[in-house]
Amino acid sequence: MGELSKQPNIGAVVEEQLNQVGITTLEELKEAGSRQAWLRILAIDSSACIHRLYSLEGAIRGIKKSQLPQDVKDGLKEFYNHAKGKPGKQAK
């Protein structure tokens, strides 16, 4: 296992996927950002879920995904739904 798996939320499988898409260091992950890194993973693994996106963002911030602020989670969820072609919440 390499540098990435030492970060919160990043296990061997996600590290391997990141390596496959050209991200091998924390600095490269930070430069790509969680959204772009997740899109790259989605291109090789259609099962990439919202929790993987949260995990990437948490790793960039150096925190567990459960510690992400709610507004950050909301923004990531909106991005995820758009990327997966899911309709967003309807305004009331």
PDB file of N, CA and C in Angstrom:
ATOM      1  N   MET A   1       0.847  -1.182   0.000  1.00  0.00           N
ATOM      2  CA  MET A   1       0.000   0.000   0.000  1.00  0.00           C
ATOM      3  C   MET A   1       0.889   1.241   0.000  1.00  0.00           C
ATOM      4  N   GLY A   2       0.378   2.283  -0.598  1.00  0.00           N
ATOM      5  CA  GLY A   2       1.167   3.488  -0.753  1.00  0.00           C
ATOM      6  C   GLY A   2       0.711   4.630   0.123  1.00  0.00           C
ATOM      7  N   GLU A   3       1.073   5.805  -0.306  1.00  0.00           N
ATOM      8  CA  GLU A   3       0.797   7.030   0.451  1.00  0.00           C
ATOM      9  C   GLU A   3      -0.693   7.290   0.636  1.00  0.00           C
ATOM     10  N   LEU A   4      -1.487   7.051  -0.401  1.00  0.00           N
ATOM     11  CA  LEU A   4      -2.906   7.398  -0.344  1.00  0.00           C
ATOM     12  C   LEU A   4      -3.664   6.604   0.708  1.00  0.00           C
ATOM     13  N   SER A   5      -3.328   5.335   0.879  1.00  0.00           N
ATOM     14  CA  SER A   5      -4.053   4.506   1.844  1.00  0.00           C
ATOM     15  C   SER A   5      -3.753   4.903   3.288  1.00  0.00           C
ATOM     16  N   LYS A   6      -2.802   5.791   3.495  1.00  0.00           N
ATOM     17  CA  LYS A   6      -2.521   6.310   4.834  1.00  0.00           C
ATOM     18  C   LYS A   6      -3.491   7.432   5.202  1.00  0.00           C
ATOM     19  N   GLN A   7      -4.260   7.904   4.223  1.00  0.00           N
ATOM     20  CA  GLN A   7      -5.211   8.981   4.451  1.00  0.00           C
ATOM     21  C   GLN A   7      -6.531   8.408   4.977  1.00  0.00           C
ATOM     22  N   PRO A   8      -7.285   9.219   5.725  1.00  0.00           N
ATOM     23  CA  PRO A   8      -8.590   8.746   6.189  1.00  0.00           C
ATOM     24  C   PRO A   8      -9.462   8.345   4.993  1.00  0.00           C
ATOM     25  N   ASN A   9     -10.224   7.302   5.150  1.00  0.00           N
ATOM     26  CA  ASN A   9     -11.228   6.852   4.177  1.00  0.00           C
ATOM     27  C   ASN A   9     -10.672   6.128   2.956  1.00  0.00           C
ATOM     28  N   ILE A  10      -9.360   6.066   2.808  1.00  0.00           N
ATOM     29  CA  ILE A  10      -8.788   5.468   1.600  1.00  0.00           C
ATOM     30  C   ILE A  10      -8.212   4.096   1.949  1.00  0.00           C
ATOM     31  N   GLY A  11      -8.856   3.065   1.428  1.00  0.00           N
ATOM     32  CA  GLY A  11      -8.361   1.711   1.605  1.00  0.00           C
ATOM     33  C   GLY A  11      -7.622   1.261   0.359  1.00  0.00           C
ATOM     34  N   ALA A  12      -7.241   0.012   0.355  1.00  0.00           N
ATOM     35  CA  ALA A  12      -6.448  -0.531  -0.744  1.00  0.00           C
ATOM     36  C   ALA A  12      -7.181  -0.463  -2.078  1.00  0.00           C
ATOM     37  N   VAL A  13      -8.482  -0.737  -2.081  1.00  0.00           N
ATOM     38  CA  VAL A  13      -9.244  -0.756  -3.343  1.00  0.00           C
ATOM     39  C   VAL A  13      -9.330   0.651  -3.936  1.00  0.00           C
ATOM     40  N   VAL A  14      -9.680   1.629  -3.112  1.00  0.00           N
ATOM     41  CA  VAL A  14      -9.795   3.002  -3.618  1.00  0.00           C
ATOM     42  C   VAL A  14      -8.419   3.522  -4.027  1.00  0.00           C
ATOM     43  N   GLU A  15      -7.397   3.189  -3.261  1.00  0.00           N
ATOM     44  CA  GLU A  15      -6.049   3.606  -3.646  1.00  0.00           C
ATOM     45  C   GLU A  15      -5.691   3.026  -5.019  1.00  0.00           C
ATOM     46  N   GLU A  16      -5.993   1.758  -5.235  1.00  0.00           N
ATOM     47  CA  GLU A  16      -5.702   1.132  -6.524  1.00  0.00           C
ATOM     48  C   GLU A  16      -6.466   1.819  -7.649  1.00  0.00           C
ATOM     49  N   GLN A  17      -7.722   2.151  -7.403  1.00  0.00           N
ATOM     50  CA  GLN A  17      -8.498   2.869  -8.425  1.00  0.00           C
ATOM     51  C   GLN A  17      -7.903   4.234  -8.709  1.00  0.00           C
ATOM     52  N   LEU A  18      -7.517   4.942  -7.673  1.00  0.00           N
ATOM     53  CA  LEU A  18      -6.886   6.250  -7.871  1.00  0.00           C
ATOM     54  C   LEU A  18      -5.604   6.098  -8.684  1.00  0.00           C
ATOM     55  N   ASN A  19      -4.812   5.085  -8.367  1.00  0.00           N
ATOM     56  CA  ASN A  19      -3.589   4.843  -9.126  1.00  0.00           C
ATOM     57  C   ASN A  19      -3.902   4.564 -10.594  1.00  0.00           C
ATOM     58  N   GLN A  20      -4.953   3.791 -10.845  1.00  0.00           N
ATOM     59  CA  GLN A  20      -5.342   3.461 -12.216  1.00  0.00           C
ATOM     60  C   GLN A  20      -5.716   4.700 -13.026  1.00  0.00           C
ATOM     61  N   VAL A  21      -6.237   5.713 -12.340  1.00  0.00           N
ATOM     62  CA  VAL A  21      -6.651   6.927 -13.062  1.00  0.00           C
ATOM     63  C   VAL A  21      -5.600   8.032 -12.968  1.00  0.00           C
ATOM     64  N   GLY A  22      -4.388   7.650 -12.553  1.00  0.00           N
ATOM     65  CA  GLY A  22      -3.276   8.601 -12.593  1.00  0.00           C
ATOM     66  C   GLY A  22      -3.071   9.443 -11.355  1.00  0.00           C
ATOM     67  N   ILE A  23      -3.711   9.087 -10.254  1.00  0.00           N
ATOM     68  CA  ILE A  23      -3.543   9.822  -8.995  1.00  0.00           C
ATOM     69  C   ILE A  23      -2.821   8.906  -8.027  1.00  0.00           C
ATOM     70  N   THR A  24      -1.570   9.259  -7.713  1.00  0.00           N
ATOM     71  CA  THR A  24      -0.758   8.378  -6.873  1.00  0.00           C
ATOM     72  C   THR A  24      -0.284   9.025  -5.577  1.00  0.00           C
ATOM     73  N   THR A  25      -0.506  10.325  -5.432  1.00  0.00           N
ATOM     74  CA  THR A  25      -0.078  11.023  -4.215  1.00  0.00           C
ATOM     75  C   THR A  25      -1.221  11.879  -3.684  1.00  0.00           C
ATOM     76  N   LEU A  26      -1.117  12.244  -2.416  1.00  0.00           N
ATOM     77  CA  LEU A  26      -2.118  13.121  -1.814  1.00  0.00           C
ATOM     78  C   LEU A  26      -2.142  14.462  -2.546  1.00  0.00           C
ATOM     79  N   GLU A  27      -0.982  14.948  -2.923  1.00  0.00           N
ATOM     80  CA  GLU A  27      -0.905  16.222  -3.641  1.00  0.00           C
ATOM     81  C   GLU A  27      -1.681  16.147  -4.962  1.00  0.00           C
ATOM     82  N   GLU A  28      -1.527  15.049  -5.679  1.00  0.00           N
ATOM     83  CA  GLU A  28      -2.271  14.876  -6.941  1.00  0.00           C
ATOM     84  C   GLU A  28      -3.769  14.791  -6.681  1.00  0.00           C
ATOM     85  N   LEU A  29      -4.152  14.144  -5.580  1.00  0.00           N
ATOM     86  CA  LEU A  29      -5.571  14.068  -5.230  1.00  0.00           C
ATOM     87  C   LEU A  29      -6.110  15.460  -4.912  1.00  0.00           C
ATOM     88  N   LYS A  30      -5.349  16.226  -4.163  1.00  0.00           N
ATOM     89  CA  LYS A  30      -5.773  17.592  -3.831  1.00  0.00           C
ATOM     90  C   LYS A  30      -5.883  18.448  -5.090  1.00  0.00           C
ATOM     91  N   GLU A  31      -4.928  18.303  -6.000  1.00  0.00           N
ATOM     92  CA  GLU A  31      -4.960  19.075  -7.248  1.00  0.00           C
ATOM     93  C   GLU A  31      -6.178  18.705  -8.090  1.00  0.00           C
ATOM     94  N   ALA A  32      -6.487  17.420  -8.152  1.00  0.00           N
ATOM     95  CA  ALA A  32      -7.646  16.971  -8.939  1.00  0.00           C
ATOM     96  C   ALA A  32      -8.942  17.375  -8.263  1.00  0.00           C
ATOM     97  N   GLY A  33      -8.971  17.311  -6.943  1.00  0.00           N
ATOM     98  CA  GLY A  33     -10.194  17.563  -6.197  1.00  0.00           C
ATOM     99  C   GLY A  33     -11.046  16.306  -6.144  1.00  0.00           C
ATOM    100  N   SER A  34     -11.909  16.238  -5.155  1.00  0.00           N
ATOM    101  CA  SER A  34     -12.710  15.029  -4.954  1.00  0.00           C
ATOM    102  C   SER A  34     -13.640  14.762  -6.128  1.00  0.00           C
ATOM    103  N   ARG A  35     -14.210  15.801  -6.685  1.00  0.00           N
ATOM    104  CA  ARG A  35     -15.187  15.612  -7.769  1.00  0.00           C
ATOM    105  C   ARG A  35     -14.526  15.060  -9.024  1.00  0.00           C
ATOM    106  N   GLN A  36     -13.406  15.644  -9.419  1.00  0.00           N
ATOM    107  CA  GLN A  36     -12.718  15.181 -10.621  1.00  0.00           C
ATOM    108  C   GLN A  36     -12.139  13.778 -10.414  1.00  0.00           C
ATOM    109  N   ALA A  37     -11.583  13.532  -9.220  1.00  0.00           N
ATOM    110  CA  ALA A  37     -11.051  12.199  -8.926  1.00  0.00           C
ATOM    111  C   ALA A  37     -12.171  11.167  -8.979  1.00  0.00           C
ATOM    112  N   TRP A  38     -13.314  11.512  -8.419  1.00  0.00           N
ATOM    113  CA  TRP A  38     -14.453  10.585  -8.429  1.00  0.00           C
ATOM    114  C   TRP A  38     -14.938  10.340  -9.859  1.00  0.00           C
ATOM    115  N   LEU A  39     -14.993  11.372 -10.677  1.00  0.00           N
ATOM    116  CA  LEU A  39     -15.406  11.189 -12.074  1.00  0.00           C
ATOM    117  C   LEU A  39     -14.445  10.257 -12.808  1.00  0.00           C
ATOM    118  N   ARG A  40     -13.169  10.384 -12.531  1.00  0.00           N
ATOM    119  CA  ARG A  40     -12.186   9.496 -13.152  1.00  0.00           C
ATOM    120  C   ARG A  40     -12.415   8.051 -12.713  1.00  0.00           C
ATOM    121  N   ILE A  41     -12.696   7.861 -11.418  1.00  0.00           N
ATOM    122  CA  ILE A  41     -12.981   6.510 -10.924  1.00  0.00           C
ATOM    123  C   ILE A  41     -14.270   5.987 -11.546  1.00  0.00           C
ATOM    124  N   LEU A  42     -15.272   6.833 -11.633  1.00  0.00           N
ATOM    125  CA  LEU A  42     -16.550   6.430 -12.244  1.00  0.00           C
ATOM    126  C   LEU A  42     -16.344   5.925 -13.665  1.00  0.00           C
ATOM    127  N   ALA A  43     -15.393   6.503 -14.371  1.00  0.00           N
ATOM    128  CA  ALA A  43     -15.120   6.095 -15.752  1.00  0.00           C
ATOM    129  C   ALA A  43     -14.601   4.657 -15.832  1.00  0.00           C
ATOM    130  N   ILE A  44     -13.990   4.166 -14.748  1.00  0.00           N
ATOM    131  CA  ILE A  44     -13.481   2.782 -14.759  1.00  0.00           C
ATOM    132  C   ILE A  44     -14.305   1.854 -13.861  1.00  0.00           C
ATOM    133  N   ASP A  45     -15.199   2.436 -13.058  1.00  0.00           N
ATOM    134  CA  ASP A  45     -16.027   1.649 -12.137  1.00  0.00           C
ATOM    135  C   ASP A  45     -17.391   2.307 -12.003  1.00  0.00           C
ATOM    136  N   SER A  46     -18.347   1.811 -12.766  1.00  0.00           N
ATOM    137  CA  SER A  46     -19.678   2.431 -12.780  1.00  0.00           C
ATOM    138  C   SER A  46     -20.406   2.294 -11.447  1.00  0.00           C
ATOM    139  N   SER A  47     -19.876   1.491 -10.533  1.00  0.00           N
ATOM    140  CA  SER A  47     -20.522   1.347  -9.226  1.00  0.00           C
ATOM    141  C   SER A  47     -20.034   2.387  -8.215  1.00  0.00           C
ATOM    142  N   ALA A  48     -19.173   3.309  -8.643  1.00  0.00           N
ATOM    143  CA  ALA A  48     -18.663   4.339  -7.722  1.00  0.00           C
ATOM    144  C   ALA A  48     -19.846   5.092  -7.107  1.00  0.00           C
ATOM    145  N   CYS A  49     -19.924   5.065  -5.785  1.00  0.00           N
ATOM    146  CA  CYS A  49     -21.101   5.594  -5.091  1.00  0.00           C
ATOM    147  C   CYS A  49     -20.802   6.934  -4.405  1.00  0.00           C
ATOM    148  N   ILE A  50     -21.854   7.484  -3.831  1.00  0.00           N
ATOM    149  CA  ILE A  50     -21.753   8.762  -3.132  1.00  0.00           C
ATOM    150  C   ILE A  50     -20.756   8.667  -1.975  1.00  0.00           C
ATOM    151  N   HIS A  51     -20.688   7.512  -1.331  1.00  0.00           N
ATOM    152  CA  HIS A  51     -19.779   7.359  -0.192  1.00  0.00           C
ATOM    153  C   HIS A  51     -18.317   7.416  -0.629  1.00  0.00           C
ATOM    154  N   ARG A  52     -18.050   6.969  -1.842  1.00  0.00           N
ATOM    155  CA  ARG A  52     -16.674   7.078  -2.355  1.00  0.00           C
ATOM    156  C   ARG A  52     -16.341   8.556  -2.573  1.00  0.00           C
ATOM    157  N   LEU A  53     -17.296   9.319  -3.078  1.00  0.00           N
ATOM    158  CA  LEU A  53     -17.094  10.758  -3.265  1.00  0.00           C
ATOM    159  C   LEU A  53     -16.852  11.439  -1.918  1.00  0.00           C
ATOM    160  N   TYR A  54     -17.673  11.118  -0.923  1.00  0.00           N
ATOM    161  CA  TYR A  54     -17.475  11.670   0.417  1.00  0.00           C
ATOM    162  C   TYR A  54     -16.101  11.272   0.966  1.00  0.00           C
ATOM    163  N   SER A  55     -15.716  10.030   0.731  1.00  0.00           N
ATOM    164  CA  SER A  55     -14.432   9.540   1.219  1.00  0.00           C
ATOM    165  C   SER A  55     -13.269  10.316   0.622  1.00  0.00           C
ATOM    166  N   LEU A  56     -13.351  10.585  -0.655  1.00  0.00           N
ATOM    167  CA  LEU A  56     -12.293  11.346  -1.318  1.00  0.00           C
ATOM    168  C   LEU A  56     -12.196  12.757  -0.742  1.00  0.00           C
ATOM    169  N   GLU A  57     -13.343  13.386  -0.550  1.00  0.00           N
ATOM    170  CA  GLU A  57     -13.342  14.738   0.018  1.00  0.00           C
ATOM    171  C   GLU A  57     -12.780  14.725   1.434  1.00  0.00           C
ATOM    172  N   GLY A  58     -13.167  13.737   2.215  1.00  0.00           N
ATOM    173  CA  GLY A  58     -12.637  13.616   3.568  1.00  0.00           C
ATOM    174  C   GLY A  58     -11.129  13.409   3.562  1.00  0.00           C
ATOM    175  N   ALA A  59     -10.646  12.580   2.653  1.00  0.00           N
ATOM    176  CA  ALA A  59      -9.205  12.327   2.568  1.00  0.00           C
ATOM    177  C   ALA A  59      -8.457  13.610   2.244  1.00  0.00           C
ATOM    178  N   ILE A  60      -8.991  14.400   1.341  1.00  0.00           N
ATOM    179  CA  ILE A  60      -8.368  15.675   0.987  1.00  0.00           C
ATOM    180  C   ILE A  60      -8.305  16.595   2.205  1.00  0.00           C
ATOM    181  N   ARG A  61      -9.361  16.576   3.010  1.00  0.00           N
ATOM    182  CA  ARG A  61      -9.418  17.438   4.201  1.00  0.00           C
ATOM    183  C   ARG A  61      -8.720  16.825   5.415  1.00  0.00           C
ATOM    184  N   GLY A  62      -8.348  15.540   5.306  1.00  0.00           N
ATOM    185  CA  GLY A  62      -7.689  14.870   6.416  1.00  0.00           C
ATOM    186  C   GLY A  62      -8.631  14.478   7.536  1.00  0.00           C
ATOM    187  N   ILE A  63      -9.917  14.252   7.191  1.00  0.00           N
ATOM    188  CA  ILE A  63     -10.923  13.879   8.194  1.00  0.00           C
ATOM    189  C   ILE A  63     -11.726  12.683   7.713  1.00  0.00           C
ATOM    190  N   LYS A  64     -12.415  12.035   8.644  1.00  0.00           N
ATOM    191  CA  LYS A  64     -13.315  10.951   8.271  1.00  0.00           C
ATOM    192  C   LYS A  64     -14.501  11.542   7.523  1.00  0.00           C
ATOM    193  N   LYS A  65     -15.046  10.767   6.590  1.00  0.00           N
ATOM    194  CA  LYS A  65     -16.152  11.283   5.779  1.00  0.00           C
ATOM    195  C   LYS A  65     -17.343  11.673   6.643  1.00  0.00           C
ATOM    196  N   SER A  66     -17.525  11.021   7.775  1.00  0.00           N
ATOM    197  CA  SER A  66     -18.646  11.343   8.669  1.00  0.00           C
ATOM    198  C   SER A  66     -18.489  12.718   9.306  1.00  0.00           C
ATOM    199  N   GLN A  67     -17.287  13.282   9.248  1.00  0.00           N
ATOM    200  CA  GLN A  67     -17.033  14.594   9.840  1.00  0.00           C
ATOM    201  C   GLN A  67     -17.180  15.742   8.842  1.00  0.00           C
ATOM    202  N   LEU A  68     -17.515  15.412   7.598  1.00  0.00           N
ATOM    203  CA  LEU A  68     -17.704  16.479   6.611  1.00  0.00           C
ATOM    204  C   LEU A  68     -18.870  17.360   7.029  1.00  0.00           C
ATOM    205  N   PRO A  69     -18.741  18.673   6.886  1.00  0.00           N
ATOM    206  CA  PRO A  69     -19.866  19.562   7.192  1.00  0.00           C
ATOM    207  C   PRO A  69     -21.067  19.240   6.301  1.00  0.00           C
ATOM    208  N   GLN A  70     -22.261  19.434   6.825  1.00  0.00           N
ATOM    209  CA  GLN A  70     -23.473  19.092   6.082  1.00  0.00           C
ATOM    210  C   GLN A  70     -23.577  19.849   4.761  1.00  0.00           C
ATOM    211  N   ASP A  71     -23.163  21.118   4.740  1.00  0.00           N
ATOM    212  CA  ASP A  71     -23.252  21.875   3.491  1.00  0.00           C
ATOM    213  C   ASP A  71     -22.323  21.295   2.422  1.00  0.00           C
ATOM    214  N   VAL A  72     -21.184  20.759   2.851  1.00  0.00           N
ATOM    215  CA  VAL A  72     -20.264  20.119   1.904  1.00  0.00           C
ATOM    216  C   VAL A  72     -20.903  18.839   1.372  1.00  0.00           C
ATOM    217  N   LYS A  73     -21.487  18.041   2.270  1.00  0.00           N
ATOM    218  CA  LYS A  73     -22.166  16.814   1.845  1.00  0.00           C
ATOM    219  C   LYS A  73     -23.305  17.133   0.874  1.00  0.00           C
ATOM    220  N   ASP A  74     -24.048  18.183   1.169  1.00  0.00           N
ATOM    221  CA  ASP A  74     -25.167  18.565   0.299  1.00  0.00           C
ATOM    222  C   ASP A  74     -24.669  18.928  -1.097  1.00  0.00           C
ATOM    223  N   GLY A  75     -23.582  19.688  -1.166  1.00  0.00           N
ATOM    224  CA  GLY A  75     -23.015  20.069  -2.455  1.00  0.00           C
ATOM    225  C   GLY A  75     -22.502  18.868  -3.224  1.00  0.00           C
ATOM    226  N   LEU A  76     -21.850  17.946  -2.519  1.00  0.00           N
ATOM    227  CA  LEU A  76     -21.351  16.731  -3.162  1.00  0.00           C
ATOM    228  C   LEU A  76     -22.501  15.854  -3.644  1.00  0.00           C
ATOM    229  N   LYS A  77     -23.566  15.794  -2.849  1.00  0.00           N
ATOM    230  CA  LYS A  77     -24.723  14.974  -3.241  1.00  0.00           C
ATOM    231  C   LYS A  77     -25.378  15.547  -4.495  1.00  0.00           C
ATOM    232  N   GLU A  78     -25.478  16.854  -4.574  1.00  0.00           N
ATOM    233  CA  GLU A  78     -26.043  17.495  -5.763  1.00  0.00           C
ATOM    234  C   GLU A  78     -25.184  17.173  -6.990  1.00  0.00           C
ATOM    235  N   PHE A  79     -23.868  17.275  -6.828  1.00  0.00           N
ATOM    236  CA  PHE A  79     -22.939  16.939  -7.906  1.00  0.00           C
ATOM    237  C   PHE A  79     -23.109  15.477  -8.315  1.00  0.00           C
ATOM    238  N   TYR A  80     -23.158  14.584  -7.326  1.00  0.00           N
ATOM    239  CA  TYR A  80     -23.308  13.148  -7.571  1.00  0.00           C
ATOM    240  C   TYR A  80     -24.588  12.861  -8.355  1.00  0.00           C
ATOM    241  N   ASN A  81     -25.687  13.425  -7.891  1.00  0.00           N
ATOM    242  CA  ASN A  81     -26.968  13.196  -8.573  1.00  0.00           C
ATOM    243  C   ASN A  81     -26.931  13.683 -10.014  1.00  0.00           C
ATOM    244  N   HIS A  82     -26.321  14.825 -10.235  1.00  0.00           N
ATOM    245  CA  HIS A  82     -26.199  15.361 -11.598  1.00  0.00           C
ATOM    246  C   HIS A  82     -25.330  14.439 -12.449  1.00  0.00           C
ATOM    247  N   ALA A  83     -24.210  13.997 -11.904  1.00  0.00           N
ATOM    248  CA  ALA A  83     -23.287  13.139 -12.646  1.00  0.00           C
ATOM    249  C   ALA A  83     -23.904  11.783 -12.968  1.00  0.00           C
ATOM    250  N   LYS A  84     -24.727  11.281 -12.070  1.00  0.00           N
ATOM    251  CA  LYS A  84     -25.368   9.983 -12.271  1.00  0.00           C
ATOM    252  C   LYS A  84     -26.687  10.106 -13.040  1.00  0.00           C
ATOM    253  N   GLY A  85     -27.069  11.361 -13.371  1.00  0.00           N
ATOM    254  CA  GLY A  85     -28.297  11.571 -14.131  1.00  0.00           C
ATOM    255  C   GLY A  85     -29.554  11.402 -13.309  1.00  0.00           C
ATOM    256  N   LYS A  86     -29.429  11.612 -11.996  1.00  0.00           N
ATOM    257  CA  LYS A  86     -30.590  11.495 -11.111  1.00  0.00           C
ATOM    258  C   LYS A  86     -31.197  12.877 -10.915  1.00  0.00           C
ATOM    259  N   PRO A  87     -32.516  12.941 -10.860  1.00  0.00           N
ATOM    260  CA  PRO A  87     -33.139  14.254 -10.641  1.00  0.00           C
ATOM    261  C   PRO A  87     -32.844  14.765  -9.235  1.00  0.00           C
ATOM    262  N   GLY A  88     -32.687  16.075  -9.146  1.00  0.00           N
ATOM    263  CA  GLY A  88     -32.451  16.689  -7.844  1.00  0.00           C
ATOM    264  C   GLY A  88     -33.763  16.857  -7.090  1.00  0.00           C
ATOM    265  N   LYS A  89     -33.648  17.345  -5.874  1.00  0.00           N
ATOM    266  CA  LYS A  89     -34.849  17.587  -5.085  1.00  0.00           C
ATOM    267  C   LYS A  89     -35.640  18.732  -5.708  1.00  0.00           C
ATOM    268  N   GLN A  90     -36.926  18.582  -5.711  1.00  0.00           N
ATOM    269  CA  GLN A  90     -37.788  19.640  -6.235  1.00  0.00           C
ATOM    270  C   GLN A  90     -37.970  20.713  -5.174  1.00  0.00           C
ATOM    271  N   ALA A  91     -37.918  21.970  -5.605  1.00  0.00           N
ATOM    272  CA  ALA A  91     -38.125  23.087  -4.678  1.00  0.00           C
ATOM    273  C   ALA A  91     -39.590  23.107  -4.271  1.00  0.00           C
ATOM    274  N   LYS A  92     -39.821  23.463  -3.017  1.00  0.00           N
ATOM    275  CA  LYS A  92     -41.202  23.500  -2.507  1.00  0.00           C
ATOM    276  C   LYS A  92     -41.716  24.914  -2.520  1.00  0.00           C
TER     277      LYS A  92
END
